[in-house]
Amino acid sequence: MGTRSGFANKLIMLVLLAVLVFAVFKTQTRINAIRTDARLTDTAYVKNAPPVVAFVTVALGSFRGLLADILWLRATALQDQGQYFEMVQLATWITELQPRFTGAIAYLAWNMAYNISFTCSSFEDRWRWVNQGIKLIRDKALQYNPGDPILYKELGWIYQHKIGNFMDDANRYYKNRMALDLMRVFGTDPDWKKLATAPKSEKAIAAKLGLDGKFWAAVAADAAKSGKKGGGADKWNMNVLEKRFREADGVMPECVVKALGGEKGKVDSLENYLRAKWIREELKLDPAYIFALNRRYGELDWRLPEAHAIYWASKGIDNDPNTGRVNEFCDRMVSQALKDACLGGKLLMVDPKNPYTFATVPNLALCDAVIKSFRVAYKRQNNDSFKVALEYFLADAVVTAYTFGKYSLAKKYFKILREEKPRDRSLRVGLDKFVIRKWKEDVATATPQQINTVVDGLVYRSAYLAACGENEASKSHLDLARGVYNLYKKQHRTTWKRVGLPPFDEIKAKASQRLLNSLAEISKLKNGGGEKQKRADATDEAKGEGAQ
């Protein structure tokens, strides 16, 4: 009996032990899942990692976190002491130790782009830190985490807010410097279709153009005659050409042009290959993806930050592993940046060599894409804020189109605005009265970009009316433009350095010159028998009507 009782007790204990072990196993599995989801620890193998990251991942294992903590403490101490030169290297090491800790990487990038940059008095130094923040996410973090929408959103935010906004008094320098840096890589007027379809390998371009040993020998011989060496023992190859091409800011060496027989088609093909590769390697941009975005939304100006915010937010949406659920931050960024690109996303350059002559004007061809973007996001996210944002955009689009003499567009979007807000009594007025009321309301809250659009448009119509002999109407428009300018300047006298406009006389001179160019285009179309639609568009742009 005692033997049976002892056996039963042992059996019960074994069953209880098995239950406890199973419970512990399930609990530990759940804890591990929570730690993984929250990224509290990370020992997983990192795909596409360079050798140093792969080695550190395997060799240190979980001890990577301890070393990363030490580097964090070092970075914090250096920042408190105002010693920033070591920060870039420390941020790179932390990223390589904990490549999947994207929250920390995003903070490091934000810290460099915002906090550290703001402590620098030199605009050049500020830009350097903003650029380092971009590179940390773009060149490092996204290489290890191509499916993390948060990183795409954070990268897009630096472009959209830090560079594209007006909160930093160095914002004009950022925009100008960014435009110059980008034009150095992809030129002033890139053909994105050709760049997107350019060969992606040296073997492919060599086969297409016949870049064999005989070709490179001819290049070297011509370079030797002109006294320009190609490196090494005066040998030329694709690597040497790429180096020379980039050093010359995208200018094809003359010896290569001669070896191609001066054939424009071949020279263009080789240049497109070199530029496309340069864009992929240095800017981490895919020309094919840019071309696809241009087809989706309209021609974006890729020298401006808004286009890059759209690019990275779109990448975040496309690469989000949460299928069926688009990241709301990325959705919002695409819509907002597209709106900004429409209302002021076209770059004009009086002198490409002088960044301080750069100016932006609306790109109203994007209006329909903006409307569609807000509607798609509203439906996808089921968030009323997208609907409200659409209503605000439509009001801005009406005023902007009217201000720039695009009256048919202004009427079109005013009609859509009324349809979006059928019960709004304030919209039961004529187009002219609506625009004048908005001008008065917007002066107090307008961005420099918006107020510059209003002033520029009024001056432009004043010049046109003067050319037509309507002197009284011309004077009223000019007086209204000067009044809006002075009111804005008075309301922003303490922040004029940061959000101020160009001198009024400069705005007046540029608007007058633009009018002369438009009138010359009309004359050319009439004399040359141009297409009716082109003539109508040019006339509509030049035409202006009294606002009073």
Protein backbone atom coordinates (compact mmCIF):
# COMPACT_ATOMS: atom_id res chain seq x y z
CA MET A 1 0.00 0.00 0.00
CA GLY A 2 2.86 2.30 0.97
CA THR A 3 4.59 1.53 -2.31
CA ARG A 4 1.47 2.43 -4.28
CA SER A 5 1.03 5.67 -2.33
CA GLY A 6 4.66 6.68 -2.93
CA PHE A 7 4.36 5.95 -6.65
CA ALA A 8 1.18 8.04 -6.89
CA ASN A 9 2.85 10.95 -5.12
CA LYS A 10 5.82 10.79 -7.49
CA LEU A 11 3.51 10.65 -10.48
CA ILE A 12 1.59 13.69 -9.24
CA MET A 13 4.85 15.56 -8.67
CA LEU A 14 6.05 14.72 -12.18
CA VAL A 15 2.76 15.91 -13.66
CA LEU A 16 2.96 19.14 -11.63
CA LEU A 17 6.57 19.61 -12.70
CA ALA A 18 5.62 19.11 -16.35
CA VAL A 19 2.81 21.64 -15.98
CA LEU A 20 5.17 24.14 -14.35
CA VAL A 21 7.83 23.62 -17.03
CA PHE A 22 5.21 24.09 -19.75
CA ALA A 23 3.91 27.25 -18.02
CA VAL A 24 7.42 28.63 -17.69
CA PHE A 25 8.12 27.82 -21.32
CA LYS A 26 4.95 29.61 -22.49
CA THR A 27 5.66 32.59 -20.24
CA GLN A 28 9.27 32.88 -21.38
CA THR A 29 8.19 32.58 -25.02
CA ARG A 30 5.71 35.40 -24.46
CA ILE A 31 8.35 37.55 -22.70
CA ASN A 32 10.83 36.95 -25.52
CA ALA A 33 8.18 37.93 -28.06
CA ILE A 34 7.45 41.15 -26.16
CA ARG A 35 11.17 41.96 -25.92
CA THR A 36 11.58 41.33 -29.63
CA ASP A 37 8.54 43.37 -30.62
CA ALA A 38 9.63 46.25 -28.41
CA ARG A 39 13.22 45.85 -29.61
CA LEU A 40 14.52 45.72 -26.04
CA THR A 41 17.16 43.22 -27.13
CA ASP A 42 18.44 42.33 -30.56
CA THR A 43 20.67 39.42 -31.42
CA ALA A 44 19.17 38.66 -34.81
CA TYR A 45 21.33 38.45 -37.89
CA VAL A 46 21.23 41.67 -39.89
CA LYS A 47 20.73 41.19 -43.62
CA ASN A 48 22.87 43.14 -46.10
CA ALA A 49 25.16 44.26 -43.28
CA PRO A 50 28.78 45.21 -44.04
CA PRO A 51 31.51 42.90 -42.64
CA VAL A 52 32.16 45.00 -39.53
CA VAL A 53 28.50 44.91 -38.48
CA ALA A 54 28.19 41.18 -39.21
CA PHE A 55 31.33 40.51 -37.14
CA VAL A 56 30.17 42.62 -34.20
CA THR A 57 26.74 40.96 -34.27
CA VAL A 58 28.22 37.45 -34.03
CA ALA A 59 31.23 38.18 -31.81
CA LEU A 60 29.59 40.32 -29.13
CA GLY A 61 26.05 38.96 -29.17
CA SER A 62 23.94 40.54 -26.44
CA PHE A 63 26.97 42.36 -25.04
CA ARG A 64 26.59 44.82 -27.91
CA GLY A 65 23.98 46.60 -25.81
CA LEU A 66 26.45 47.17 -22.97
CA LEU A 67 29.03 48.68 -25.29
CA ALA A 68 26.36 50.79 -26.98
CA ASP A 69 25.32 52.14 -23.54
CA ILE A 70 28.91 53.20 -22.87
CA LEU A 71 29.02 55.03 -26.21
CA TRP A 72 25.68 56.70 -25.41
CA LEU A 73 27.11 58.01 -22.13
CA ARG A 74 30.19 59.26 -23.95
CA ALA A 75 28.08 60.99 -26.61
CA THR A 76 25.86 62.65 -23.97
CA ALA A 77 28.89 63.91 -22.04
CA LEU A 78 30.49 65.34 -25.18
CA GLN A 79 27.27 67.12 -26.16
CA ASP A 80 26.91 68.64 -22.67
CA GLN A 81 30.46 69.96 -23.03
CA GLY A 82 29.76 71.37 -26.48
CA GLN A 83 32.26 69.03 -28.14
CA TYR A 84 30.54 67.73 -31.23
CA PHE A 85 33.28 66.57 -33.57
CA GLU A 86 33.28 63.02 -32.19
CA MET A 87 29.49 62.74 -32.33
CA VAL A 88 29.30 61.54 -35.94
CA GLN A 89 31.67 58.65 -35.31
CA LEU A 90 29.94 57.72 -32.06
CA ALA A 91 26.54 57.76 -33.78
CA THR A 92 27.92 55.50 -36.51
CA TRP A 93 29.31 53.05 -33.95
CA ILE A 94 26.05 52.98 -31.99
CA THR A 95 24.15 52.32 -35.21
CA GLU A 96 26.50 49.45 -36.11
CA LEU A 97 26.31 47.95 -32.61
CA GLN A 98 22.51 48.13 -32.43
CA PRO A 99 21.44 48.42 -36.09
CA ARG A 100 17.82 47.46 -35.37
CA PHE A 101 17.33 49.89 -32.49
CA THR A 102 15.71 52.35 -34.87
CA GLY A 103 14.26 54.57 -32.15
CA ALA A 104 17.75 55.38 -30.92
CA ILE A 105 19.05 55.94 -34.45
CA ALA A 106 16.15 58.29 -35.23
CA TYR A 107 16.93 60.24 -32.06
CA LEU A 108 20.63 60.52 -32.95
CA ALA A 109 19.77 61.83 -36.40
CA TRP A 110 17.20 64.28 -35.01
CA ASN A 111 19.69 65.43 -32.37
CA MET A 112 22.31 66.26 -35.01
CA ALA A 113 19.87 67.90 -37.44
CA TYR A 114 18.09 69.98 -34.80
CA ASN A 115 19.87 70.35 -31.45
CA ILE A 116 23.53 70.36 -32.46
CA SER A 117 22.99 72.33 -35.67
CA PHE A 118 21.17 75.05 -33.74
CA THR A 119 24.19 75.66 -31.51
CA CYS A 120 26.32 76.65 -34.55
CA SER A 121 26.46 80.29 -35.55
CA SER A 122 27.75 79.56 -39.06
CA PHE A 123 25.10 78.52 -41.57
CA GLU A 124 27.69 76.28 -43.25
CA ASP A 125 28.27 74.43 -39.96
CA ARG A 126 24.54 74.11 -39.40
CA TRP A 127 24.07 72.59 -42.84
CA ARG A 128 26.88 70.13 -42.15
CA TRP A 129 25.06 68.79 -39.06
CA VAL A 130 21.67 68.68 -40.81
CA ASN A 131 23.31 66.70 -43.60
CA GLN A 132 24.94 64.32 -41.10
CA GLY A 133 21.52 63.61 -39.61
CA ILE A 134 20.20 62.79 -43.08
CA LYS A 135 23.15 60.53 -43.88
CA LEU A 136 22.88 58.59 -40.60
CA ILE A 137 19.38 57.41 -41.51
CA ARG A 138 19.69 57.33 -45.30
CA ASP A 139 23.15 55.79 -45.65
CA LYS A 140 23.30 53.63 -42.51
CA ALA A 141 20.05 52.84 -40.72
CA LEU A 142 17.91 52.16 -43.79
CA GLN A 143 20.58 49.82 -45.10
CA TYR A 144 19.92 47.58 -42.08
CA ASN A 145 16.16 48.27 -41.72
CA PRO A 146 14.66 48.67 -45.20
CA GLY A 147 11.19 47.77 -43.93
CA ASP A 148 10.90 50.21 -41.03
CA PRO A 149 8.40 53.01 -41.86
CA ILE A 150 9.49 55.04 -38.83
CA LEU A 151 12.95 55.61 -40.29
CA TYR A 152 11.47 56.70 -43.62
CA LYS A 153 9.17 59.09 -41.79
CA GLU A 154 12.01 60.55 -39.72
CA LEU A 155 14.17 61.05 -42.81
CA GLY A 156 11.31 62.68 -44.69
CA TRP A 157 10.65 64.92 -41.67
CA ILE A 158 14.14 66.41 -41.81
CA TYR A 159 13.55 67.31 -45.46
CA GLN A 160 10.00 68.55 -44.97
CA HIS A 161 10.34 70.40 -41.66
CA LYS A 162 13.97 71.26 -41.01
CA ILE A 163 14.92 72.20 -44.59
CA GLY A 164 11.54 72.93 -46.17
CA ASN A 165 10.04 74.95 -43.31
CA PHE A 166 10.92 78.46 -42.11
CA MET A 167 11.51 77.84 -38.40
CA ASP A 168 15.31 77.99 -38.68
CA ASP A 169 16.79 81.34 -39.74
CA ALA A 170 19.24 79.37 -41.89
CA ASN A 171 16.42 77.76 -43.87
CA ARG A 172 17.17 79.69 -47.08
CA TYR A 173 20.79 78.61 -46.91
CA TYR A 174 19.71 74.97 -46.44
CA LYS A 175 17.42 75.10 -49.47
CA ASN A 176 19.99 76.81 -51.68
CA ARG A 177 22.83 74.55 -50.58
CA MET A 178 20.69 71.46 -51.07
CA ALA A 179 19.74 72.58 -54.59
CA LEU A 180 23.38 73.20 -55.53
CA ASP A 181 24.53 69.85 -54.11
CA LEU A 182 21.80 67.97 -55.97
CA MET A 183 22.36 69.77 -59.27
CA ARG A 184 26.00 68.79 -59.06
CA VAL A 185 24.93 65.13 -59.17
CA PHE A 186 21.96 65.01 -61.52
CA GLY A 187 22.31 68.29 -63.43
CA THR A 188 19.99 71.27 -63.79
CA ASP A 189 17.39 69.61 -66.02
CA PRO A 190 17.52 65.82 -65.61
CA ASP A 191 15.57 63.53 -67.91
CA TRP A 192 14.32 61.04 -65.33
CA LYS A 193 12.96 58.64 -67.93
CA LYS A 194 16.39 58.28 -69.52
CA LEU A 195 18.08 58.03 -66.13
CA ALA A 196 15.55 55.39 -65.04
CA THR A 197 16.20 53.26 -68.14
CA ALA A 198 19.98 53.72 -68.23
CA PRO A 199 22.04 50.49 -68.00
CA LYS A 200 22.73 49.52 -64.39
CA SER A 201 26.00 47.67 -64.89
CA GLU A 202 29.35 48.46 -66.43
CA LYS A 203 29.08 45.35 -68.56
CA ALA A 204 25.75 46.52 -70.03
CA ILE A 205 26.92 50.04 -70.93
CA ALA A 206 30.20 48.69 -72.32
CA ALA A 207 28.32 46.28 -74.58
CA LYS A 208 25.91 49.00 -75.70
CA LEU A 209 28.61 51.54 -76.64
CA GLY A 210 31.51 49.22 -77.46
CA LEU A 211 33.74 50.39 -74.60
CA ASP A 212 36.49 47.82 -75.16
CA GLY A 213 40.24 47.95 -74.73
CA LYS A 214 40.68 49.77 -78.03
CA PHE A 215 38.26 52.48 -76.87
CA TRP A 216 40.08 53.07 -73.57
CA ALA A 217 43.44 53.11 -75.37
CA ALA A 218 42.12 55.87 -77.65
CA VAL A 219 40.90 57.81 -74.59
CA ALA A 220 44.30 57.49 -72.90
CA ALA A 221 46.13 58.55 -76.04
CA ASP A 222 44.02 61.66 -76.47
CA ALA A 223 44.32 62.48 -72.75
CA ALA A 224 48.10 62.18 -73.03
CA LYS A 225 48.15 64.62 -75.94
CA SER A 226 46.26 67.20 -73.94
CA GLY A 227 48.46 66.62 -70.90
CA LYS A 228 45.65 65.18 -68.76
CA LYS A 229 46.50 61.90 -67.11
CA GLY A 230 43.90 59.34 -66.21
CA GLY A 231 45.61 57.90 -63.16
CA GLY A 232 47.93 54.98 -62.69
CA ALA A 233 50.21 54.43 -65.66
CA ASP A 234 48.13 56.76 -67.80
CA LYS A 235 45.50 54.03 -68.12
CA TRP A 236 41.82 54.77 -68.50
CA ASN A 237 38.89 52.55 -67.55
CA MET A 238 35.36 53.02 -66.23
CA ASN A 239 36.53 53.60 -62.66
CA VAL A 240 38.86 56.39 -63.79
CA LEU A 241 36.11 57.92 -65.91
CA GLU A 242 33.66 57.87 -63.00
CA LYS A 243 36.20 59.62 -60.79
CA ARG A 244 36.94 62.30 -63.41
CA PHE A 245 33.23 62.77 -64.17
CA ARG A 246 32.40 63.40 -60.52
CA GLU A 247 35.40 65.61 -59.88
CA ALA A 248 34.26 67.78 -62.80
CA ASP A 249 30.70 68.01 -61.35
CA GLY A 250 29.20 65.93 -64.12
CA VAL A 251 31.13 67.22 -67.12
CA MET A 252 32.21 64.51 -69.56
CA PRO A 253 35.97 64.57 -70.27
CA GLU A 254 36.71 65.82 -73.79
CA CYS A 255 38.96 62.84 -74.53
CA VAL A 256 36.00 60.48 -73.91
CA VAL A 257 33.72 62.55 -76.13
CA LYS A 258 36.28 62.35 -78.96
CA ALA A 259 36.68 58.59 -78.51
CA LEU A 260 32.90 58.25 -78.92
CA GLY A 261 33.18 60.09 -82.21
CA GLY A 262 31.35 63.09 -80.80
CA GLU A 263 28.04 61.28 -81.33
CA LYS A 264 25.49 62.97 -79.09
CA GLY A 265 23.43 59.81 -78.61
CA LYS A 266 26.42 57.84 -77.34
CA VAL A 267 27.68 60.67 -75.14
CA ASP A 268 24.22 61.10 -73.61
CA SER A 269 23.90 57.36 -72.98
CA LEU A 270 27.22 57.23 -71.17
CA GLU A 271 26.42 60.36 -69.18
CA ASN A 272 23.04 58.97 -68.14
CA TYR A 273 24.71 55.76 -66.97
CA LEU A 274 27.29 57.70 -64.94
CA ARG A 275 24.71 60.05 -63.44
CA ALA A 276 22.25 57.28 -62.57
CA LYS A 277 24.99 55.35 -60.80
CA TRP A 278 26.14 58.50 -59.01
CA ILE A 279 22.58 59.19 -57.85
CA ARG A 280 22.17 55.65 -56.51
CA GLU A 281 25.54 55.56 -54.76
CA GLU A 282 25.80 59.06 -53.29
CA LEU A 283 22.18 60.12 -52.78
CA LYS A 284 20.71 56.63 -52.29
CA LEU A 285 17.92 57.58 -54.71
CA ASP A 286 16.53 55.27 -57.37
CA PRO A 287 15.94 57.13 -60.68
CA ALA A 288 13.32 54.55 -61.67
CA TYR A 289 11.37 55.24 -58.47
CA ILE A 290 11.65 59.00 -59.05
CA PHE A 291 10.31 58.54 -62.57
CA ALA A 292 7.41 56.48 -61.18
CA LEU A 293 6.57 59.20 -58.64
CA ASN A 294 6.63 61.83 -61.39
CA ARG A 295 4.17 59.75 -63.38
CA ARG A 296 1.97 59.28 -60.32
CA TYR A 297 1.84 62.90 -59.12
CA GLY A 298 3.24 65.08 -61.90
CA GLU A 299 6.69 66.54 -62.51
CA LEU A 300 8.23 67.27 -59.11
CA ASP A 301 11.24 69.55 -58.78
CA TRP A 302 13.85 67.23 -57.27
CA ARG A 303 16.11 70.11 -56.30
CA LEU A 304 13.68 71.01 -53.52
CA PRO A 305 13.13 69.32 -50.12
CA GLU A 306 9.41 68.65 -50.64
CA ALA A 307 10.13 66.15 -53.42
CA HIS A 308 12.53 64.24 -51.18
CA ALA A 309 10.02 64.15 -48.32
CA ILE A 310 7.53 62.61 -50.77
CA TYR A 311 10.16 60.12 -51.97
CA TRP A 312 11.09 58.77 -48.54
CA ALA A 313 7.54 58.76 -47.17
CA SER A 314 6.41 56.86 -50.28
CA LYS A 315 9.23 54.39 -49.72
CA GLY A 316 7.98 53.98 -46.15
CA ILE A 317 4.50 53.14 -47.44
CA ASP A 318 5.77 50.73 -50.11
CA ASN A 319 8.19 48.93 -47.78
CA ASP A 320 5.95 48.71 -44.72
CA PRO A 321 5.83 45.02 -43.69
CA ASN A 322 2.41 45.55 -42.07
CA THR A 323 0.45 44.59 -45.17
CA GLY A 324 -2.99 46.10 -45.38
CA ARG A 325 -2.12 48.92 -42.99
CA VAL A 326 -0.34 51.97 -44.38
CA ASN A 327 1.65 53.98 -41.84
CA GLU A 328 -0.36 57.13 -41.08
CA PHE A 329 2.72 59.30 -40.54
CA CYS A 330 4.01 58.45 -44.01
CA ASP A 331 0.56 58.94 -45.54
CA ARG A 332 0.32 62.35 -43.91
CA MET A 333 3.80 63.36 -45.04
CA VAL A 334 3.11 62.50 -48.68
CA SER A 335 -0.07 64.59 -48.69
CA GLN A 336 1.46 67.57 -46.87
CA ALA A 337 4.69 67.61 -48.85
CA LEU A 338 2.76 67.27 -52.10
CA LYS A 339 0.63 70.24 -51.05
CA ASP A 340 3.78 72.29 -50.32
CA ALA A 341 5.25 71.26 -53.67
CA CYS A 342 2.09 72.46 -55.41
CA LEU A 343 1.95 75.84 -53.66
CA GLY A 344 5.65 76.60 -53.93
CA GLY A 345 7.62 73.70 -55.36
CA LYS A 346 9.13 74.99 -58.57
CA LEU A 347 12.63 76.45 -58.48
CA LEU A 348 13.62 79.49 -60.53
CA MET A 349 17.25 80.54 -60.87
CA VAL A 350 18.27 83.95 -62.10
CA ASP A 351 21.93 82.93 -61.77
CA PRO A 352 22.63 79.20 -61.19
CA LYS A 353 26.06 80.06 -59.78
CA ASN A 354 24.56 82.36 -57.14
CA PRO A 355 22.24 80.49 -54.76
CA TYR A 356 20.89 83.71 -53.32
CA THR A 357 19.11 84.45 -56.61
CA PHE A 358 17.03 81.28 -56.25
CA ALA A 359 13.27 81.66 -55.84
CA THR A 360 10.31 79.27 -55.77
CA VAL A 361 6.93 79.62 -57.44
CA PRO A 362 3.81 77.42 -57.38
CA ASN A 363 3.63 74.24 -59.42
CA LEU A 364 -0.13 74.28 -59.99
CA ALA A 365 0.07 71.26 -62.30
CA LEU A 366 0.17 69.18 -59.09
CA CYS A 367 -3.21 70.41 -57.77
CA ASP A 368 -5.25 67.42 -58.94
CA ALA A 369 -2.67 65.02 -57.50
CA VAL A 370 -2.84 66.78 -54.12
CA ILE A 371 -6.62 66.50 -54.03
CA LYS A 372 -6.45 62.81 -54.90
CA SER A 373 -3.74 62.23 -52.29
CA PHE A 374 -5.81 63.75 -49.47
CA ARG A 375 -8.89 61.80 -50.51
CA VAL A 376 -7.03 58.49 -50.71
CA ALA A 377 -5.41 59.06 -47.31
CA TYR A 378 -8.77 60.05 -45.77
CA LYS A 379 -10.37 56.86 -47.01
CA ARG A 380 -7.39 54.69 -46.07
CA GLN A 381 -6.82 56.10 -42.59
CA ASN A 382 -10.47 56.96 -41.77
CA ASN A 383 -9.20 60.20 -40.22
CA ASP A 384 -11.14 63.46 -40.58
CA SER A 385 -7.93 65.52 -40.37
CA PHE A 386 -7.19 64.62 -44.00
CA LYS A 387 -10.59 65.97 -45.06
CA VAL A 388 -10.01 69.23 -43.18
CA ALA A 389 -6.52 69.52 -44.70
CA LEU A 390 -8.04 69.10 -48.16
CA GLU A 391 -10.46 71.97 -47.52
CA TYR A 392 -7.62 74.27 -46.41
CA PHE A 393 -5.58 73.28 -49.45
CA LEU A 394 -8.44 74.02 -51.85
CA ALA A 395 -8.78 77.52 -50.41
CA ASP A 396 -5.03 78.07 -50.84
CA ALA A 397 -5.13 76.67 -54.37
CA VAL A 398 -7.95 79.06 -55.34
CA VAL A 399 -6.05 82.09 -54.04
CA THR A 400 -2.74 80.97 -55.56
CA ALA A 401 -4.21 80.25 -58.99
CA TYR A 402 -6.09 83.55 -58.98
CA THR A 403 -3.01 85.46 -57.85
CA PHE A 404 -0.95 84.06 -60.73
CA GLY A 405 -3.62 84.81 -63.31
CA LYS A 406 -4.80 81.20 -63.74
CA TYR A 407 -8.47 82.15 -63.55
CA SER A 408 -9.86 78.98 -65.08
CA LEU A 409 -8.02 76.93 -62.45
CA ALA A 410 -9.18 79.26 -59.67
CA LYS A 411 -12.81 78.80 -60.76
CA LYS A 412 -12.35 75.02 -60.99
CA TYR A 413 -11.00 74.64 -57.45
CA PHE A 414 -13.46 77.16 -55.99
CA LYS A 415 -16.24 74.96 -57.36
CA ILE A 416 -14.66 71.87 -55.78
CA LEU A 417 -14.27 73.74 -52.47
CA ARG A 418 -17.98 74.61 -52.48
CA GLU A 419 -18.80 70.95 -53.13
CA GLU A 420 -16.61 69.88 -50.21
CA LYS A 421 -18.32 72.39 -47.88
CA PRO A 422 -21.90 72.78 -49.18
CA ARG A 423 -23.19 74.32 -45.93
CA ASP A 424 -20.49 76.96 -45.58
CA ARG A 425 -22.23 80.32 -46.03
CA SER A 426 -18.91 82.16 -46.38
CA LEU A 427 -18.42 80.47 -49.75
CA ARG A 428 -21.65 81.89 -51.16
CA VAL A 429 -19.84 84.83 -52.72
CA GLY A 430 -18.15 85.48 -56.02
CA LEU A 431 -14.62 84.33 -56.73
CA ASP A 432 -13.17 87.87 -56.61
CA LYS A 433 -14.66 88.67 -53.19
CA PHE A 434 -13.54 85.31 -51.79
CA VAL A 435 -9.94 85.86 -52.90
CA ILE A 436 -9.76 89.45 -51.57
CA ARG A 437 -11.12 88.30 -48.20
CA LYS A 438 -8.57 85.48 -48.06
CA TRP A 439 -5.73 87.86 -48.86
CA LYS A 440 -6.64 89.99 -45.86
CA GLU A 441 -7.02 86.97 -43.57
CA ASP A 442 -3.84 85.27 -44.71
CA VAL A 443 -1.47 88.18 -44.15
CA ALA A 444 -1.51 87.55 -40.40
CA THR A 445 -0.83 83.80 -40.61
CA ALA A 446 0.83 83.32 -43.99
CA THR A 447 4.21 81.71 -44.46
CA PRO A 448 6.85 83.75 -46.33
CA GLN A 449 6.21 81.55 -49.34
CA GLN A 450 2.47 82.27 -49.34
CA ILE A 451 2.80 86.02 -48.80
CA ASN A 452 5.47 86.27 -51.46
CA THR A 453 3.05 84.57 -53.87
CA VAL A 454 0.34 87.14 -53.10
CA VAL A 455 2.66 90.15 -53.44
CA ASP A 456 4.32 88.80 -56.56
CA GLY A 457 0.99 88.07 -58.23
CA LEU A 458 -0.38 91.54 -57.49
CA VAL A 459 2.76 93.22 -58.84
CA TYR A 460 2.64 90.99 -61.91
CA ARG A 461 -0.93 92.02 -62.74
CA SER A 462 -0.05 95.65 -62.05
CA ALA A 463 2.69 95.48 -64.67
CA TYR A 464 0.33 93.85 -67.18
CA LEU A 465 -2.37 96.48 -66.62
CA ALA A 466 0.23 99.22 -67.11
CA ALA A 467 1.30 97.61 -70.38
CA CYS A 468 -2.37 97.69 -71.48
CA GLY A 469 -2.69 101.38 -70.61
CA GLU A 470 -4.93 100.76 -67.58
CA ASN A 471 -2.88 103.05 -65.37
CA GLU A 472 -5.45 103.54 -62.62
CA ALA A 473 -6.06 99.81 -62.17
CA SER A 474 -2.31 99.21 -62.36
CA LYS A 475 -1.66 101.71 -59.57
CA SER A 476 -4.35 100.16 -57.35
CA HIS A 477 -2.78 96.71 -57.73
CA LEU A 478 0.69 98.03 -56.99
CA ASP A 479 -0.57 99.94 -53.95
CA LEU A 480 -2.34 96.82 -52.68
CA ALA A 481 0.82 94.77 -53.17
CA ARG A 482 2.90 97.31 -51.27
CA GLY A 483 0.26 97.46 -48.53
CA VAL A 484 0.25 93.70 -48.09
CA TYR A 485 4.07 93.69 -48.07
CA ASN A 486 4.30 96.47 -45.44
CA LEU A 487 1.59 94.90 -43.26
CA TYR A 488 3.40 91.56 -43.29
CA LYS A 489 6.71 93.27 -42.52
CA LYS A 490 5.17 95.16 -39.60
CA GLN A 491 3.63 92.00 -38.13
CA HIS A 492 6.96 90.14 -38.43
CA ARG A 493 9.42 92.90 -37.60
CA THR A 494 11.03 90.89 -34.78
CA THR A 495 11.49 87.78 -36.96
CA TRP A 496 12.17 89.49 -40.30
CA LYS A 497 15.65 87.99 -40.55
CA ARG A 498 14.15 84.50 -40.47
CA VAL A 499 10.84 84.88 -42.34
CA GLY A 500 11.38 88.10 -44.28
CA LEU A 501 10.84 88.66 -47.99
CA PRO A 502 13.17 90.04 -50.67
CA PRO A 503 13.08 93.85 -51.02
CA PHE A 504 9.86 95.07 -52.62
CA ASP A 505 11.69 96.64 -55.54
CA GLU A 506 13.38 93.31 -56.26
CA ILE A 507 10.01 91.52 -56.35
CA LYS A 508 8.71 94.24 -58.66
CA ALA A 509 11.68 93.92 -61.05
CA LYS A 510 11.40 90.12 -61.27
CA ALA A 511 7.63 90.22 -61.87
CA SER A 512 8.08 92.80 -64.63
CA GLN A 513 10.74 90.68 -66.30
CA ARG A 514 8.51 87.61 -66.14
CA LEU A 515 5.73 89.57 -67.80
CA LEU A 516 8.06 90.65 -70.61
CA ASN A 517 9.07 87.03 -71.14
CA SER A 518 5.40 85.94 -71.28
CA LEU A 519 4.52 88.66 -73.79
CA ALA A 520 7.51 87.70 -75.93
CA GLU A 521 6.31 84.07 -75.89
CA ILE A 522 2.83 85.17 -77.01
CA SER A 523 4.33 87.18 -79.84
CA LYS A 524 6.49 84.25 -80.92
CA LEU A 525 3.51 81.89 -80.91
CA LYS A 526 1.41 84.28 -82.98
CA ASN A 527 4.14 84.93 -85.52
CA GLY A 528 5.16 81.30 -85.74
CA GLY A 529 1.67 79.82 -85.94
CA GLY A 530 1.98 77.95 -82.65
CA GLU A 531 -0.65 75.65 -81.29
CA LYS A 532 -3.83 77.32 -80.09
CA GLN A 533 -3.63 75.72 -76.67
CA LYS A 534 -0.12 76.97 -76.04
CA ARG A 535 -1.14 80.46 -77.10
CA ALA A 536 -4.17 80.33 -74.81
CA ASP A 537 -2.03 79.18 -71.87
CA ALA A 538 0.54 81.91 -72.41
CA THR A 539 -2.18 84.56 -72.76
CA ASP A 540 -3.92 83.33 -69.62
CA GLU A 541 -0.65 83.58 -67.70
CA ALA A 542 0.03 87.12 -68.83
CA LYS A 543 -3.55 88.35 -68.46
CA GLY A 544 -4.63 90.12 -65.29
CA GLU A 545 -7.83 91.72 -64.06
CA GLY A 546 -8.55 94.43 -61.51
CA ALA A 547 -9.10 93.13 -58.00
CA GLN A 548 -11.18 96.11 -56.98
